[in-house]
Amino acid sequence: MTNLMGILHGRVSAGIIDDNIGATVYTMDLRHPFSIINNYIDCFVGVFEDERIEAYTSVVKVGKQIINLQCDMTPGFILKSV
């Protein structure tokens, strides 16, 4: 799931974010399903092969038909001992 430089591919990061947001909406026990309208991702740093990923999702606003959520994904500590 990494490129030749050992950095996690961007679409894999997007999938992790999408799963986190979906799980958050699921736990809200809403009466009807929601679909993703827009998935906007800014990548500031790369996640290397041996790094742990930490992703946190927060609810920004809940409307009648749209829910705005934000997911922050950051590299954690290095898993492999040197």
PDB file of N, CA and C in Angstrom:
ATOM      1  N   MET A   1       0.806  -1.202   0.000  1.00  0.00           N
ATOM      2  CA  MET A   1       0.000   0.000   0.000  1.00  0.00           C
ATOM      3  C   MET A   1       0.851   1.270   0.000  1.00  0.00           C
ATOM      4  N   THR A   2       2.152   1.097  -0.250  1.00  0.00           N
ATOM      5  CA  THR A   2       3.033   2.259  -0.295  1.00  0.00           C
ATOM      6  C   THR A   2       3.606   2.416  -1.696  1.00  0.00           C
ATOM      7  N   ASN A   3       4.125   3.602  -1.952  1.00  0.00           N
ATOM      8  CA  ASN A   3       4.786   3.828  -3.240  1.00  0.00           C
ATOM      9  C   ASN A   3       6.246   3.383  -3.151  1.00  0.00           C
ATOM     10  N   LEU A   4       7.022   3.654  -4.184  1.00  0.00           N
ATOM     11  CA  LEU A   4       8.420   3.223  -4.207  1.00  0.00           C
ATOM     12  C   LEU A   4       9.281   3.899  -3.139  1.00  0.00           C
ATOM     13  N   MET A   5       8.825   5.043  -2.633  1.00  0.00           N
ATOM     14  CA  MET A   5       9.564   5.755  -1.585  1.00  0.00           C
ATOM     15  C   MET A   5       9.188   5.268  -0.184  1.00  0.00           C
ATOM     16  N   GLY A   6       8.254   4.303  -0.089  1.00  0.00           N
ATOM     17  CA  GLY A   6       7.833   3.778   1.208  1.00  0.00           C
ATOM     18  C   GLY A   6       6.810   4.635   1.923  1.00  0.00           C
ATOM     19  N   ILE A   7       6.131   5.516   1.166  1.00  0.00           N
ATOM     20  CA  ILE A   7       5.117   6.398   1.743  1.00  0.00           C
ATOM     21  C   ILE A   7       3.738   5.849   1.400  1.00  0.00           C
ATOM     22  N   LEU A   8       2.827   5.862   2.374  1.00  0.00           N
ATOM     23  CA  LEU A   8       1.474   5.364   2.191  1.00  0.00           C
ATOM     24  C   LEU A   8       0.781   6.089   1.043  1.00  0.00           C
ATOM     25  N   HIS A   9       0.154   5.342   0.154  1.00  0.00           N
ATOM     26  CA  HIS A   9      -0.534   5.912  -1.005  1.00  0.00           C
ATOM     27  C   HIS A   9      -1.707   6.785  -0.539  1.00  0.00           C
ATOM     28  N   GLY A  10      -1.926   7.897  -1.211  1.00  0.00           N
ATOM     29  CA  GLY A  10      -2.956   8.856  -0.822  1.00  0.00           C
ATOM     30  C   GLY A  10      -4.361   8.288  -0.801  1.00  0.00           C
ATOM     31  N   ARG A  11      -4.680   7.394  -1.736  1.00  0.00           N
ATOM     32  CA  ARG A  11      -6.027   6.816  -1.763  1.00  0.00           C
ATOM     33  C   ARG A  11      -6.252   5.869  -0.593  1.00  0.00           C
ATOM     34  N   VAL A  12      -5.194   5.256  -0.079  1.00  0.00           N
ATOM     35  CA  VAL A  12      -5.327   4.424   1.121  1.00  0.00           C
ATOM     36  C   VAL A  12      -5.640   5.321   2.313  1.00  0.00           C
ATOM     37  N   SER A  13      -4.970   6.463   2.391  1.00  0.00           N
ATOM     38  CA  SER A  13      -5.280   7.441   3.446  1.00  0.00           C
ATOM     39  C   SER A  13      -6.728   7.893   3.345  1.00  0.00           C
ATOM     40  N   ALA A  14      -7.199   8.149   2.132  1.00  0.00           N
ATOM     41  CA  ALA A  14      -8.585   8.567   1.928  1.00  0.00           C
ATOM     42  C   ALA A  14      -9.555   7.477   2.375  1.00  0.00           C
ATOM     43  N   GLY A  15      -9.202   6.214   2.130  1.00  0.00           N
ATOM     44  CA  GLY A  15     -10.045   5.109   2.561  1.00  0.00           C
ATOM     45  C   GLY A  15     -10.129   5.005   4.077  1.00  0.00           C
ATOM     46  N   ILE A  16      -9.011   5.226   4.753  1.00  0.00           N
ATOM     47  CA  ILE A  16      -8.992   5.212   6.219  1.00  0.00           C
ATOM     48  C   ILE A  16      -9.871   6.329   6.761  1.00  0.00           C
ATOM     49  N   ILE A  17      -9.753   7.509   6.175  1.00  0.00           N
ATOM     50  CA  ILE A  17     -10.572   8.650   6.598  1.00  0.00           C
ATOM     51  C   ILE A  17     -12.050   8.370   6.356  1.00  0.00           C
ATOM     52  N   ASP A  18     -12.388   7.817   5.192  1.00  0.00           N
ATOM     53  CA  ASP A  18     -13.770   7.495   4.862  1.00  0.00           C
ATOM     54  C   ASP A  18     -14.345   6.475   5.846  1.00  0.00           C
ATOM     55  N   ASP A  19     -13.583   5.450   6.184  1.00  0.00           N
ATOM     56  CA  ASP A  19     -14.043   4.447   7.154  1.00  0.00           C
ATOM     57  C   ASP A  19     -14.262   5.057   8.529  1.00  0.00           C
ATOM     58  N   ASN A  20     -13.359   5.938   8.947  1.00  0.00           N
ATOM     59  CA  ASN A  20     -13.497   6.596  10.251  1.00  0.00           C
ATOM     60  C   ASN A  20     -14.749   7.457  10.311  1.00  0.00           C
ATOM     61  N   ILE A  21     -14.973   8.234   9.258  1.00  0.00           N
ATOM     62  CA  ILE A  21     -16.157   9.096   9.218  1.00  0.00           C
ATOM     63  C   ILE A  21     -17.432   8.252   9.193  1.00  0.00           C
ATOM     64  N   GLY A  22     -17.433   7.183   8.396  1.00  0.00           N
ATOM     65  CA  GLY A  22     -18.600   6.303   8.341  1.00  0.00           C
ATOM     66  C   GLY A  22     -18.909   5.665   9.678  1.00  0.00           C
ATOM     67  N   ALA A  23     -17.876   5.225  10.388  1.00  0.00           N
ATOM     68  CA  ALA A  23     -18.071   4.623  11.707  1.00  0.00           C
ATOM     69  C   ALA A  23     -18.618   5.644  12.703  1.00  0.00           C
ATOM     70  N   THR A  24     -18.156   6.883  12.603  1.00  0.00           N
ATOM     71  CA  THR A  24     -18.651   7.935  13.496  1.00  0.00           C
ATOM     72  C   THR A  24     -20.129   8.201  13.254  1.00  0.00           C
ATOM     73  N   VAL A  25     -20.528   8.322  11.988  1.00  0.00           N
ATOM     74  CA  VAL A  25     -21.943   8.557  11.665  1.00  0.00           C
ATOM     75  C   VAL A  25     -22.785   7.363  12.114  1.00  0.00           C
ATOM     76  N   TYR A  26     -22.276   6.158  11.948  1.00  0.00           N
ATOM     77  CA  TYR A  26     -23.004   4.952  12.355  1.00  0.00           C
ATOM     78  C   TYR A  26     -23.289   4.957  13.855  1.00  0.00           C
ATOM     79  N   THR A  27     -22.329   5.416  14.655  1.00  0.00           N
ATOM     80  CA  THR A  27     -22.517   5.424  16.107  1.00  0.00           C
ATOM     81  C   THR A  27     -23.499   6.497  16.567  1.00  0.00           C
ATOM     82  N   MET A  28     -23.889   7.410  15.664  1.00  0.00           N
ATOM     83  CA  MET A  28     -24.820   8.474  16.031  1.00  0.00           C
ATOM     84  C   MET A  28     -26.266   7.980  16.075  1.00  0.00           C
ATOM     85  N   ASP A  29     -26.524   6.735  15.650  1.00  0.00           N
ATOM     86  CA  ASP A  29     -27.840   6.103  15.707  1.00  0.00           C
ATOM     87  C   ASP A  29     -28.923   6.982  15.066  1.00  0.00           C
ATOM     88  N   LEU A  30     -28.667   7.385  13.823  1.00  0.00           N
ATOM     89  CA  LEU A  30     -29.606   8.239  13.096  1.00  0.00           C
ATOM     90  C   LEU A  30     -30.715   7.400  12.462  1.00  0.00           C
ATOM     91  N   ARG A  31     -31.837   8.026  12.146  1.00  0.00           N
ATOM     92  CA  ARG A  31     -32.999   7.295  11.625  1.00  0.00           C
ATOM     93  C   ARG A  31     -32.912   6.998  10.143  1.00  0.00           C
ATOM     94  N   HIS A  32     -32.092   7.719   9.399  1.00  0.00           N
ATOM     95  CA  HIS A  32     -31.953   7.467   7.972  1.00  0.00           C
ATOM     96  C   HIS A  32     -30.475   7.540   7.585  1.00  0.00           C
ATOM     97  N   PRO A  33     -30.109   6.855   6.493  1.00  0.00           N
ATOM     98  CA  PRO A  33     -28.694   6.802   6.102  1.00  0.00           C
ATOM     99  C   PRO A  33     -28.211   8.115   5.490  1.00  0.00           C
ATOM    100  N   PHE A  34     -26.926   8.315   5.549  1.00  0.00           N
ATOM    101  CA  PHE A  34     -26.285   9.481   4.952  1.00  0.00           C
ATOM    102  C   PHE A  34     -25.250   9.014   3.935  1.00  0.00           C
ATOM    103  N   SER A  35     -25.031   9.800   2.905  1.00  0.00           N
ATOM    104  CA  SER A  35     -24.012   9.524   1.901  1.00  0.00           C
ATOM    105  C   SER A  35     -22.982  10.642   1.918  1.00  0.00           C
ATOM    106  N   ILE A  36     -21.773  10.322   1.481  1.00  0.00           N
ATOM    107  CA  ILE A  36     -20.730  11.344   1.402  1.00  0.00           C
ATOM    108  C   ILE A  36     -20.993  12.224   0.187  1.00  0.00           C
ATOM    109  N   ILE A  37     -21.034  13.526   0.403  1.00  0.00           N
ATOM    110  CA  ILE A  37     -21.234  14.487  -0.674  1.00  0.00           C
ATOM    111  C   ILE A  37     -19.891  14.961  -1.200  1.00  0.00           C
ATOM    112  N   ASN A  38     -18.976  15.237  -0.288  1.00  0.00           N
ATOM    113  CA  ASN A  38     -17.674  15.768  -0.671  1.00  0.00           C
ATOM    114  C   ASN A  38     -16.629  15.235   0.301  1.00  0.00           C
ATOM    115  N   ASN A  39     -15.540  14.732  -0.232  1.00  0.00           N
ATOM    116  CA  ASN A  39     -14.442  14.236   0.584  1.00  0.00           C
ATOM    117  C   ASN A  39     -13.200  15.033   0.186  1.00  0.00           C
ATOM    118  N   TYR A  40     -12.890  16.055   0.948  1.00  0.00           N
ATOM    119  CA  TYR A  40     -11.788  16.960   0.642  1.00  0.00           C
ATOM    120  C   TYR A  40     -10.628  16.642   1.574  1.00  0.00           C
ATOM    121  N   ILE A  41      -9.472  16.337   1.010  1.00  0.00           N
ATOM    122  CA  ILE A  41      -8.335  15.896   1.811  1.00  0.00           C
ATOM    123  C   ILE A  41      -7.118  16.765   1.526  1.00  0.00           C
ATOM    124  N   ASP A  42      -6.509  17.281   2.590  1.00  0.00           N
ATOM    125  CA  ASP A  42      -5.236  17.991   2.515  1.00  0.00           C
ATOM    126  C   ASP A  42      -4.170  17.093   3.111  1.00  0.00           C
ATOM    127  N   CYS A  43      -3.099  16.851   2.377  1.00  0.00           N
ATOM    128  CA  CYS A  43      -1.984  16.038   2.879  1.00  0.00           C
ATOM    129  C   CYS A  43      -0.807  16.964   3.160  1.00  0.00           C
ATOM    130  N   PHE A  44      -0.413  17.019   4.418  1.00  0.00           N
ATOM    131  CA  PHE A  44       0.694  17.889   4.810  1.00  0.00           C
ATOM    132  C   PHE A  44       1.988  17.122   5.022  1.00  0.00           C
ATOM    133  N   VAL A  45       1.885  15.881   5.470  1.00  0.00           N
ATOM    134  CA  VAL A  45       3.071  15.041   5.662  1.00  0.00           C
ATOM    135  C   VAL A  45       2.770  13.636   5.166  1.00  0.00           C
ATOM    136  N   GLY A  46       3.795  12.929   4.766  1.00  0.00           N
ATOM    137  CA  GLY A  46       3.624  11.556   4.342  1.00  0.00           C
ATOM    138  C   GLY A  46       3.709  10.601   5.526  1.00  0.00           C
ATOM    139  N   VAL A  47       3.031   9.485   5.388  1.00  0.00           N
ATOM    140  CA  VAL A  47       3.090   8.437   6.408  1.00  0.00           C
ATOM    141  C   VAL A  47       3.989   7.339   5.856  1.00  0.00           C
ATOM    142  N   PHE A  48       5.082   7.071   6.542  1.00  0.00           N
ATOM    143  CA  PHE A  48       6.027   6.071   6.072  1.00  0.00           C
ATOM    144  C   PHE A  48       5.610   4.669   6.495  1.00  0.00           C
ATOM    145  N   GLU A  49       6.214   3.705   5.841  1.00  0.00           N
ATOM    146  CA  GLU A  49       5.856   2.294   5.994  1.00  0.00           C
ATOM    147  C   GLU A  49       5.877   1.813   7.447  1.00  0.00           C
ATOM    148  N   ASP A  50       6.809   2.260   8.234  1.00  0.00           N
ATOM    149  CA  ASP A  50       6.966   1.764   9.600  1.00  0.00           C
ATOM    150  C   ASP A  50       6.294   2.641  10.648  1.00  0.00           C
ATOM    151  N   GLU A  51       5.467   3.572  10.238  1.00  0.00           N
ATOM    152  CA  GLU A  51       4.819   4.467  11.190  1.00  0.00           C
ATOM    153  C   GLU A  51       3.389   4.017  11.485  1.00  0.00           C
ATOM    154  N   ARG A  52       2.978   4.283  12.681  1.00  0.00           N
ATOM    155  CA  ARG A  52       1.610   4.019  13.101  1.00  0.00           C
ATOM    156  C   ARG A  52       0.754   5.224  12.704  1.00  0.00           C
ATOM    157  N   ILE A  53      -0.504   4.960  12.336  1.00  0.00           N
ATOM    158  CA  ILE A  53      -1.412   6.036  11.955  1.00  0.00           C
ATOM    159  C   ILE A  53      -2.439   6.229  13.063  1.00  0.00           C
ATOM    160  N   GLU A  54      -2.674   7.481  13.420  1.00  0.00           N
ATOM    161  CA  GLU A  54      -3.726   7.810  14.385  1.00  0.00           C
ATOM    162  C   GLU A  54      -4.729   8.707  13.676  1.00  0.00           C
ATOM    163  N   ALA A  55      -5.994   8.328  13.708  1.00  0.00           N
ATOM    164  CA  ALA A  55      -7.043   9.102  13.046  1.00  0.00           C
ATOM    165  C   ALA A  55      -8.145   9.420  14.047  1.00  0.00           C
ATOM    166  N   TYR A  56      -8.519  10.678  14.119  1.00  0.00           N
ATOM    167  CA  TYR A  56      -9.554  11.143  15.032  1.00  0.00           C
ATOM    168  C   TYR A  56     -10.625  11.888  14.243  1.00  0.00           C
ATOM    169  N   THR A  57     -11.868  11.524  14.456  1.00  0.00           N
ATOM    170  CA  THR A  57     -12.974  12.164  13.752  1.00  0.00           C
ATOM    171  C   THR A  57     -13.800  12.975  14.735  1.00  0.00           C
ATOM    172  N   SER A  58     -14.215  14.160  14.304  1.00  0.00           N
ATOM    173  CA  SER A  58     -15.080  15.000  15.129  1.00  0.00           C
ATOM    174  C   SER A  58     -16.250  15.498  14.281  1.00  0.00           C
ATOM    175  N   VAL A  59     -17.391  15.652  14.935  1.00  0.00           N
ATOM    176  CA  VAL A  59     -18.587  16.164  14.276  1.00  0.00           C
ATOM    177  C   VAL A  59     -18.536  17.683  14.350  1.00  0.00           C
ATOM    178  N   VAL A  60     -18.584  18.329  13.184  1.00  0.00           N
ATOM    179  CA  VAL A  60     -18.528  19.786  13.121  1.00  0.00           C
ATOM    180  C   VAL A  60     -19.927  20.375  13.233  1.00  0.00           C
ATOM    181  N   LYS A  61     -20.882  19.821  12.461  1.00  0.00           N
ATOM    182  CA  LYS A  61     -22.247  20.354  12.461  1.00  0.00           C
ATOM    183  C   LYS A  61     -23.209  19.266  11.997  1.00  0.00           C
ATOM    184  N   VAL A  62     -24.344  19.177  12.661  1.00  0.00           N
ATOM    185  CA  VAL A  62     -25.386  18.233  12.265  1.00  0.00           C
ATOM    186  C   VAL A  62     -26.592  19.031  11.796  1.00  0.00           C
ATOM    187  N   GLY A  63     -26.936  18.876  10.517  1.00  0.00           N
ATOM    188  CA  GLY A  63     -28.109  19.535   9.960  1.00  0.00           C
ATOM    189  C   GLY A  63     -29.230  18.525   9.741  1.00  0.00           C
ATOM    190  N   LYS A  64     -30.294  18.954   9.079  1.00  0.00           N
ATOM    191  CA  LYS A  64     -31.424  18.053   8.818  1.00  0.00           C
ATOM    192  C   LYS A  64     -31.098  17.011   7.762  1.00  0.00           C
ATOM    193  N   GLN A  65     -30.267  17.382   6.781  1.00  0.00           N
ATOM    194  CA  GLN A  65     -29.936  16.461   5.701  1.00  0.00           C
ATOM    195  C   GLN A  65     -28.438  16.246   5.516  1.00  0.00           C
ATOM    196  N   ILE A  66     -27.629  17.099   6.100  1.00  0.00           N
ATOM    197  CA  ILE A  66     -26.177  17.023   5.921  1.00  0.00           C
ATOM    198  C   ILE A  66     -25.486  17.074   7.278  1.00  0.00           C
ATOM    199  N   ILE A  67     -24.473  16.231   7.420  1.00  0.00           N
ATOM    200  CA  ILE A  67     -23.623  16.250   8.610  1.00  0.00           C
ATOM    201  C   ILE A  67     -22.210  16.587   8.154  1.00  0.00           C
ATOM    202  N   ASN A  68     -21.605  17.567   8.801  1.00  0.00           N
ATOM    203  CA  ASN A  68     -20.206  17.912   8.506  1.00  0.00           C
ATOM    204  C   ASN A  68     -19.318  17.280   9.561  1.00  0.00           C
ATOM    205  N   LEU A  69     -18.321  16.525   9.090  1.00  0.00           N
ATOM    206  CA  LEU A  69     -17.360  15.888   9.978  1.00  0.00           C
ATOM    207  C   LEU A  69     -15.954  16.220   9.531  1.00  0.00           C
ATOM    208  N   GLN A  70     -15.035  16.120  10.462  1.00  0.00           N
ATOM    209  CA  GLN A  70     -13.626  16.348  10.157  1.00  0.00           C
ATOM    210  C   GLN A  70     -12.830  15.187  10.724  1.00  0.00           C
ATOM    211  N   CYS A  71     -11.911  14.658   9.933  1.00  0.00           N
ATOM    212  CA  CYS A  71     -11.044  13.573  10.388  1.00  0.00           C
ATOM    213  C   CYS A  71      -9.599  14.025  10.242  1.00  0.00           C
ATOM    214  N   ASP A  72      -8.868  13.983  11.341  1.00  0.00           N
ATOM    215  CA  ASP A  72      -7.442  14.313  11.335  1.00  0.00           C
ATOM    216  C   ASP A  72      -6.661  13.013  11.457  1.00  0.00           C
ATOM    217  N   MET A  73      -5.796  12.773  10.491  1.00  0.00           N
ATOM    218  CA  MET A  73      -4.975  11.568  10.498  1.00  0.00           C
ATOM    219  C   MET A  73      -3.517  11.991  10.551  1.00  0.00           C
ATOM    220  N   THR A  74      -2.816  11.501  11.552  1.00  0.00           N
ATOM    221  CA  THR A  74      -1.417  11.880  11.727  1.00  0.00           C
ATOM    222  C   THR A  74      -0.566  10.632  11.921  1.00  0.00           C
ATOM    223  N   PRO A  75       0.675  10.700  11.472  1.00  0.00           N
ATOM    224  CA  PRO A  75       1.580   9.581  11.763  1.00  0.00           C
ATOM    225  C   PRO A  75       1.938   9.598  13.241  1.00  0.00           C
ATOM    226  N   GLY A  76       1.996   8.423  13.838  1.00  0.00           N
ATOM    227  CA  GLY A  76       2.367   8.310  15.236  1.00  0.00           C
ATOM    228  C   GLY A  76       3.837   7.957  15.375  1.00  0.00           C
ATOM    229  N   PHE A  77       4.126   7.072  16.290  1.00  0.00           N
ATOM    230  CA  PHE A  77       5.514   6.693  16.516  1.00  0.00           C
ATOM    231  C   PHE A  77       5.957   5.593  15.550  1.00  0.00           C
ATOM    232  N   ILE A  78       7.232   5.401  15.426  1.00  0.00           N
ATOM    233  CA  ILE A  78       7.792   4.382  14.542  1.00  0.00           C
ATOM    234  C   ILE A  78       7.673   3.019  15.202  1.00  0.00           C
ATOM    235  N   LEU A  79       7.151   2.038  14.472  1.00  0.00           N
ATOM    236  CA  LEU A  79       6.929   0.704  15.004  1.00  0.00           C
ATOM    237  C   LEU A  79       8.174  -0.162  15.011  1.00  0.00           C
ATOM    238  N   LYS A  80       9.028  -0.004  14.019  1.00  0.00           N
ATOM    239  CA  LYS A  80      10.210  -0.845  13.888  1.00  0.00           C
ATOM    240  C   LYS A  80      11.349  -0.294  14.758  1.00  0.00           C
ATOM    241  N   SER A  81      11.965  -1.148  15.537  1.00  0.00           N
ATOM    242  CA  SER A  81      13.105  -0.685  16.334  1.00  0.00           C
ATOM    243  C   SER A  81      14.338  -0.590  15.444  1.00  0.00           C
ATOM    244  N   VAL A  82      15.159   0.409  15.711  1.00  0.00           N
ATOM    245  CA  VAL A  82      16.344   0.641  14.895  1.00  0.00           C
ATOM    246  C   VAL A  82      17.578   0.167  15.636  1.00  0.00           C
TER     247      VAL A  82
END
